[in-house]
Amino acid sequence: MEQGSLAGIPIVYPTIIDAPWLIAFTAIASSVEQSFGHCFDYKVTTPAMNSKGAARETTDRARLEQALNPLRVIWLNLDHGNSVSVIPDQLSDLNLVAEENLESAPGLRHSDTIDNLTSAVVSGQEVPSTIKTTPVTSAARTTDAALVTTPGFAAALTTADCLPIIVVCPSNRVAAVIHAGWRGLARGVIENTLGQIELRLGQLPKDVVAWIGPSIQQDDFEIEDIVRLKLLENDHIGRQRFRLQPNNRYLANLQGMAADILTNLGVQRSAIEVCPLSTRSDPRLHSARRDGSASGRMATVVGILPVC
């Protein structure tokens, strides 16, 4: 991991990915508000508030897009599910992965049913129990992972504790960005993404590399047993990734789970880089668990540079 800035916005980026055709990083905070602002929280109907309580235009996104010009940046609308989109193939009519395609697709998983949990167990919006198959327009694209396959395009997603994961196939010029919270890990969002790469390339390239970006760390992520059991329904997740506490709750290592899933699917362990920054304990980063509704968002971007 290295640190820098883009358009005055602090960023961190992987060192394991050596591809001159690729843009890949996580913007960790607003240069103006730092962790007090709503960096990359772009709900049009809910303007971000600055530290003085006044409405602030969501300029962080515009600044970032301008800095990435001429890349066309597609922002994903997330729902903690396991759907994967391909950019720009599905740009005009973003059909997500259809269930009927999953049986024959390598690595692809049907979504596991996530029972309704009370807010006392874990906060956040519940996800539907099946993969969405309804066409999504550009105004409401809902997907938790995207493959970028064409020069001139980039995919971006926002996080505030969940794992932003970047997967790159350097020899094939294919890159993916994944949003993986505990629900996404349980439902197989990583499996679906690598399965889509296999479908497009015929097999998973031997030189694939992955980066697990800044996210909540095990010491900061306490869950109840019902959440642990849901995660263990994914066969790639082992019991060693949970640490029992005296209060009979568990500390969960989401980054370790993601690394295990990637290696079980064929990615070399030495080709996986894990960012050590913890969103909850590092004041530079945004954390929903720490700040609740006042939390902003970080942005993770993957793009293929235009051909000169």
Protein backbone atom coordinates (compact mmCIF):
# COMPACT_ATOMS: atom_id res chain seq x y z
CA MET A 1 0.00 0.00 0.00
CA GLU A 2 1.14 3.51 -0.82
CA GLN A 3 -0.42 6.88 -0.10
CA GLY A 4 -0.79 9.99 -2.21
CA SER A 5 -3.43 12.44 -3.34
CA LEU A 6 -5.60 13.14 -6.36
CA ALA A 7 -7.30 16.50 -6.91
CA GLY A 8 -6.27 17.31 -3.35
CA ILE A 9 -8.08 14.25 -1.99
CA PRO A 10 -5.95 11.77 0.04
CA ILE A 11 -5.80 8.31 -1.54
CA VAL A 12 -4.25 4.91 -0.85
CA TYR A 13 -3.44 2.46 -3.60
CA PRO A 14 -2.06 -1.06 -3.99
CA THR A 15 1.59 -1.72 -4.65
CA ILE A 16 1.00 -5.31 -5.77
CA ILE A 17 -0.69 -4.21 -9.00
CA ASP A 18 1.87 -3.26 -11.65
CA ALA A 19 -0.21 -2.39 -14.70
CA PRO A 20 0.50 0.88 -16.52
CA TRP A 21 -2.91 0.71 -18.22
CA LEU A 22 -4.80 0.71 -14.91
CA ILE A 23 -6.08 3.31 -12.44
CA ALA A 24 -6.84 1.73 -9.04
CA PHE A 25 -7.12 3.42 -5.63
CA THR A 26 -9.30 4.27 -2.63
CA ALA A 27 -9.93 7.92 -1.82
CA ILE A 28 -9.97 7.91 1.95
CA ALA A 29 -11.21 11.38 2.95
CA SER A 30 -12.35 14.77 1.81
CA SER A 31 -9.50 17.25 1.60
CA VAL A 32 -11.74 19.94 3.08
CA GLU A 33 -13.73 18.14 5.76
CA GLN A 34 -11.47 15.13 6.34
CA SER A 35 -13.38 12.60 8.45
CA PHE A 36 -15.97 15.22 9.44
CA GLY A 37 -17.42 15.51 5.96
CA HIS A 38 -19.50 13.22 3.81
CA CYS A 39 -16.82 12.45 1.28
CA PHE A 40 -18.33 10.63 -1.70
CA ASP A 41 -21.77 10.31 -0.09
CA TYR A 42 -23.79 11.29 -3.13
CA LYS A 43 -27.48 10.89 -2.46
CA VAL A 44 -29.03 13.68 -4.51
CA THR A 45 -32.09 13.85 -2.29
CA THR A 46 -29.98 14.18 0.84
CA PRO A 47 -27.33 16.89 0.41
CA ALA A 48 -24.17 16.42 2.46
CA MET A 49 -23.75 18.67 5.48
CA ASN A 50 -20.54 20.47 6.28
CA SER A 51 -19.05 20.86 9.76
CA LYS A 52 -21.15 24.00 10.32
CA GLY A 53 -24.39 22.17 9.66
CA ALA A 54 -25.04 23.86 6.33
CA ALA A 55 -25.90 22.03 3.12
CA ARG A 56 -22.83 21.51 0.95
CA GLU A 57 -22.76 20.63 -2.72
CA THR A 58 -21.35 17.16 -3.33
CA THR A 59 -18.24 18.48 -5.06
CA ASP A 60 -15.89 15.69 -4.02
CA ARG A 61 -17.32 13.39 -6.67
CA ALA A 62 -17.09 16.08 -9.35
CA ARG A 63 -13.49 16.88 -8.40
CA LEU A 64 -12.55 13.24 -8.58
CA GLU A 65 -14.27 12.72 -11.92
CA GLN A 66 -12.55 15.81 -13.31
CA ALA A 67 -9.16 14.53 -12.16
CA LEU A 68 -9.83 11.20 -13.90
CA ASN A 69 -10.90 12.80 -17.18
CA PRO A 70 -11.11 11.47 -19.92
CA LEU A 71 -12.15 8.29 -18.10
CA ARG A 72 -15.92 7.89 -17.90
CA VAL A 73 -16.63 6.99 -14.26
CA ILE A 74 -19.68 4.81 -13.52
CA TRP A 75 -20.79 4.96 -9.88
CA LEU A 76 -22.39 1.77 -8.56
CA ASN A 77 -25.54 1.78 -6.46
CA LEU A 78 -24.96 -0.87 -3.75
CA ASP A 79 -27.38 -3.13 -1.89
CA HIS A 80 -25.08 -5.57 0.01
CA GLY A 81 -25.90 -8.32 -2.46
CA ASN A 82 -23.83 -10.42 -4.87
CA SER A 83 -24.73 -9.10 -8.32
CA VAL A 84 -21.98 -8.39 -10.85
CA SER A 85 -22.13 -6.02 -13.81
CA VAL A 86 -19.83 -5.59 -16.80
CA ILE A 87 -18.86 -2.08 -17.86
CA PRO A 88 -19.48 -0.84 -20.49
CA ASP A 89 -21.34 -3.89 -21.87
CA GLN A 90 -24.31 -3.34 -19.56
CA LEU A 91 -24.17 0.42 -19.41
CA SER A 92 -27.33 1.29 -21.35
CA ASP A 93 -29.41 -1.57 -19.93
CA LEU A 94 -27.65 -2.89 -16.86
CA ASN A 95 -29.06 -6.41 -16.54
CA LEU A 96 -27.50 -8.11 -13.55
CA VAL A 97 -26.46 -11.76 -13.46
CA ALA A 98 -29.51 -13.90 -14.22
CA GLU A 99 -30.13 -16.89 -11.97
CA GLU A 100 -30.58 -19.26 -14.87
CA ASN A 101 -26.96 -18.61 -15.88
CA LEU A 102 -25.53 -19.55 -12.51
CA GLU A 103 -25.71 -23.34 -12.68
CA SER A 104 -23.22 -23.66 -15.55
CA ALA A 105 -21.06 -20.68 -14.71
CA PRO A 106 -17.73 -21.50 -13.01
CA GLY A 107 -17.50 -20.11 -9.51
CA LEU A 108 -20.91 -18.42 -9.55
CA ARG A 109 -23.13 -18.84 -6.50
CA HIS A 110 -26.84 -18.65 -5.96
CA SER A 111 -27.48 -16.13 -3.24
CA ASP A 112 -28.01 -17.60 0.22
CA THR A 113 -31.08 -16.44 2.08
CA ILE A 114 -30.21 -13.87 4.73
CA ASP A 115 -32.86 -13.87 7.40
CA ASN A 116 -34.10 -10.56 8.77
CA LEU A 117 -31.88 -9.45 11.62
CA THR A 118 -32.79 -6.88 14.21
CA SER A 119 -30.85 -3.64 14.32
CA ALA A 120 -29.42 -4.79 17.64
CA VAL A 121 -27.53 -7.52 15.81
CA VAL A 122 -26.15 -5.47 12.96
CA SER A 123 -27.23 -2.20 11.42
CA GLY A 124 -27.86 -1.51 7.77
CA GLN A 125 -30.33 -2.33 5.04
CA GLU A 126 -31.28 -5.96 4.59
CA VAL A 127 -30.68 -7.53 1.21
CA PRO A 128 -33.12 -9.52 -0.91
CA SER A 129 -32.84 -13.30 -0.85
CA THR A 130 -32.35 -13.77 -4.59
CA ILE A 131 -30.21 -12.20 -7.25
CA LYS A 132 -31.89 -9.31 -9.00
CA THR A 133 -32.72 -9.99 -12.63
CA THR A 134 -34.71 -6.84 -13.43
CA PRO A 135 -33.07 -4.48 -15.93
CA VAL A 136 -31.68 -1.43 -14.15
CA THR A 137 -31.43 1.92 -15.87
CA SER A 138 -28.40 4.17 -15.65
CA ALA A 139 -30.28 6.28 -13.12
CA ALA A 140 -30.63 3.36 -10.69
CA ARG A 141 -27.95 0.76 -11.36
CA THR A 142 -27.81 -1.63 -8.42
CA THR A 143 -24.85 -3.98 -8.21
CA ASP A 144 -22.11 -4.75 -5.71
CA ALA A 145 -19.32 -5.58 -8.16
CA ALA A 146 -18.30 -4.56 -11.64
CA LEU A 147 -15.89 -5.75 -14.31
CA VAL A 148 -14.21 -3.06 -16.40
CA THR A 149 -13.24 -4.41 -19.80
CA THR A 150 -12.85 -1.44 -22.11
CA PRO A 151 -10.32 1.43 -22.19
CA GLY A 152 -11.80 4.78 -21.26
CA PHE A 153 -14.14 3.47 -18.55
CA ALA A 154 -13.93 3.23 -14.76
CA ALA A 155 -16.16 1.79 -12.04
CA ALA A 156 -16.45 3.42 -8.61
CA LEU A 157 -18.11 2.38 -5.39
CA THR A 158 -18.30 3.78 -1.87
CA THR A 159 -17.61 2.15 1.49
CA ALA A 160 -17.53 3.00 5.18
CA ASP A 161 -16.33 -0.19 6.95
CA CYS A 162 -17.12 -2.74 4.22
CA LEU A 163 -14.29 -4.19 2.14
CA PRO A 164 -13.41 -2.58 -1.18
CA ILE A 165 -11.66 -5.28 -3.22
CA ILE A 166 -9.81 -4.80 -6.50
CA VAL A 167 -9.05 -7.80 -8.73
CA VAL A 168 -6.84 -7.36 -11.80
CA CYS A 169 -5.83 -9.70 -14.63
CA PRO A 170 -2.73 -7.89 -15.99
CA SER A 171 -2.22 -10.15 -19.02
CA ASN A 172 -5.82 -9.72 -20.16
CA ARG A 173 -6.44 -6.10 -19.23
CA VAL A 174 -9.51 -6.93 -17.18
CA ALA A 175 -10.15 -5.40 -13.77
CA ALA A 176 -12.92 -5.67 -11.19
CA VAL A 177 -14.02 -3.76 -8.13
CA ILE A 178 -16.05 -5.43 -5.39
CA HIS A 179 -18.06 -4.13 -2.43
CA ALA A 180 -18.03 -6.83 0.27
CA GLY A 181 -19.58 -6.40 3.68
CA TRP A 182 -20.40 -9.44 5.80
CA ARG A 183 -23.59 -9.99 3.80
CA GLY A 184 -21.74 -9.85 0.50
CA LEU A 185 -19.13 -12.31 1.75
CA ALA A 186 -21.84 -14.69 2.94
CA ARG A 187 -23.76 -14.41 -0.33
CA GLY A 188 -20.75 -15.00 -2.58
CA VAL A 189 -20.05 -11.64 -4.20
CA ILE A 190 -16.35 -12.52 -4.61
CA GLU A 191 -17.20 -15.94 -6.07
CA ASN A 192 -19.60 -14.34 -8.55
CA THR A 193 -17.05 -11.75 -9.63
CA LEU A 194 -14.27 -14.26 -10.27
CA GLY A 195 -16.83 -16.51 -11.94
CA GLN A 196 -17.66 -13.72 -14.36
CA ILE A 197 -13.95 -13.26 -15.10
CA GLU A 198 -13.67 -16.98 -15.85
CA LEU A 199 -16.67 -16.80 -18.15
CA ARG A 200 -15.14 -13.96 -20.15
CA LEU A 201 -11.58 -15.31 -20.30
CA GLY A 202 -12.21 -19.07 -20.32
CA GLN A 203 -10.28 -19.54 -17.10
CA LEU A 204 -8.91 -17.50 -14.24
CA PRO A 205 -5.50 -16.17 -15.36
CA LYS A 206 -2.54 -17.40 -13.34
CA ASP A 207 -1.24 -13.86 -12.92
CA VAL A 208 -4.40 -12.43 -11.30
CA VAL A 209 -3.68 -10.10 -8.37
CA ALA A 210 -6.00 -8.69 -5.71
CA TRP A 211 -6.08 -5.83 -3.22
CA ILE A 212 -8.29 -5.69 -0.13
CA GLY A 213 -8.56 -2.01 0.69
CA PRO A 214 -9.09 -0.04 3.92
CA SER A 215 -11.93 -1.51 5.93
CA ILE A 216 -12.94 -2.50 9.43
CA GLN A 217 -10.41 -4.78 11.16
CA GLN A 218 -11.09 -7.80 13.34
CA ASP A 219 -10.43 -6.03 16.66
CA ASP A 220 -13.08 -3.46 15.73
CA PHE A 221 -15.81 -5.70 14.31
CA GLU A 222 -17.90 -7.50 16.93
CA ILE A 223 -20.83 -9.63 15.83
CA GLU A 224 -23.38 -11.97 17.38
CA ASP A 225 -23.45 -15.69 16.72
CA ILE A 226 -26.34 -15.42 14.25
CA VAL A 227 -24.11 -13.38 11.93
CA ARG A 228 -21.22 -15.83 12.37
CA LEU A 229 -23.47 -18.73 11.39
CA LYS A 230 -24.64 -16.91 8.27
CA LEU A 231 -21.02 -16.33 7.24
CA LEU A 232 -20.14 -19.97 7.86
CA GLU A 233 -22.80 -20.99 5.33
CA ASN A 234 -20.19 -19.97 2.77
CA ASP A 235 -17.94 -23.03 2.53
CA HIS A 236 -14.89 -20.86 1.80
CA ILE A 237 -15.08 -19.19 5.21
CA GLY A 238 -13.43 -20.99 8.12
CA ARG A 239 -14.15 -20.89 11.84
CA GLN A 240 -10.62 -19.65 12.50
CA ARG A 241 -11.70 -16.21 11.26
CA PHE A 242 -13.81 -15.67 14.40
CA ARG A 243 -12.52 -14.95 17.91
CA LEU A 244 -14.91 -15.66 20.79
CA GLN A 245 -15.22 -12.92 23.41
CA PRO A 246 -16.17 -13.19 27.12
CA ASN A 247 -19.59 -11.72 26.30
CA ASN A 248 -20.24 -14.66 23.92
CA ARG A 249 -19.98 -12.42 20.89
CA TYR A 250 -17.30 -12.77 18.22
CA LEU A 251 -14.66 -10.60 16.62
CA ALA A 252 -14.81 -11.30 12.87
CA ASN A 253 -11.89 -11.00 10.45
CA LEU A 254 -13.60 -9.96 7.21
CA GLN A 255 -10.33 -9.25 5.42
CA GLY A 256 -9.06 -12.73 6.29
CA MET A 257 -12.31 -14.25 5.01
CA ALA A 258 -11.97 -12.38 1.72
CA ALA A 259 -8.37 -13.55 1.33
CA ASP A 260 -9.42 -17.15 2.00
CA ILE A 261 -12.18 -16.95 -0.61
CA LEU A 262 -9.79 -15.52 -3.20
CA THR A 263 -7.19 -18.25 -2.61
CA ASN A 264 -9.80 -21.00 -2.64
CA LEU A 265 -10.88 -19.73 -6.04
CA GLY A 266 -7.36 -19.87 -7.45
CA VAL A 267 -5.67 -16.57 -6.58
CA GLN A 268 -2.18 -17.09 -5.16
CA ARG A 269 -1.86 -15.98 -1.55
CA SER A 270 1.31 -14.09 -2.47
CA ALA A 271 -0.74 -12.15 -5.06
CA ILE A 272 -3.12 -10.73 -2.45
CA GLU A 273 -2.32 -7.43 -0.71
CA VAL A 274 -4.27 -6.44 2.39
CA CYS A 275 -4.46 -2.80 3.46
CA PRO A 276 -3.73 -2.55 7.22
CA LEU A 277 -5.79 0.61 7.79
CA SER A 278 -8.85 0.14 10.01
CA THR A 279 -11.78 2.37 9.21
CA ARG A 280 -13.14 2.36 12.74
CA SER A 281 -9.92 3.20 14.57
CA ASP A 282 -8.22 5.49 12.04
CA PRO A 283 -9.71 9.01 12.30
CA ARG A 284 -8.73 9.78 8.69
CA LEU A 285 -11.16 7.15 7.45
CA HIS A 286 -14.95 7.01 7.35
CA SER A 287 -16.68 4.45 9.57
CA ALA A 288 -20.40 3.79 9.85
CA ARG A 289 -19.84 1.73 12.99
CA ARG A 290 -17.95 4.58 14.64
CA ASP A 291 -19.92 7.59 13.40
CA GLY A 292 -23.36 6.14 12.62
CA SER A 293 -25.53 8.34 10.42
CA ALA A 294 -22.86 11.06 10.51
CA SER A 295 -20.42 8.87 8.61
CA GLY A 296 -19.20 9.83 5.19
CA ARG A 297 -17.96 7.43 2.52
CA MET A 298 -14.68 6.53 0.87
CA ALA A 299 -14.51 5.89 -2.86
CA THR A 300 -12.72 3.02 -4.58
CA VAL A 301 -12.11 3.41 -8.31
CA VAL A 302 -10.87 0.98 -10.97
CA GLY A 303 -10.41 2.16 -14.53
CA ILE A 304 -8.68 1.24 -17.78
CA LEU A 305 -6.83 4.15 -19.33
CA PRO A 306 -7.82 5.20 -22.84
CA VAL A 307 -5.70 3.87 -25.67
CA CYS A 308 -3.34 6.55 -26.93
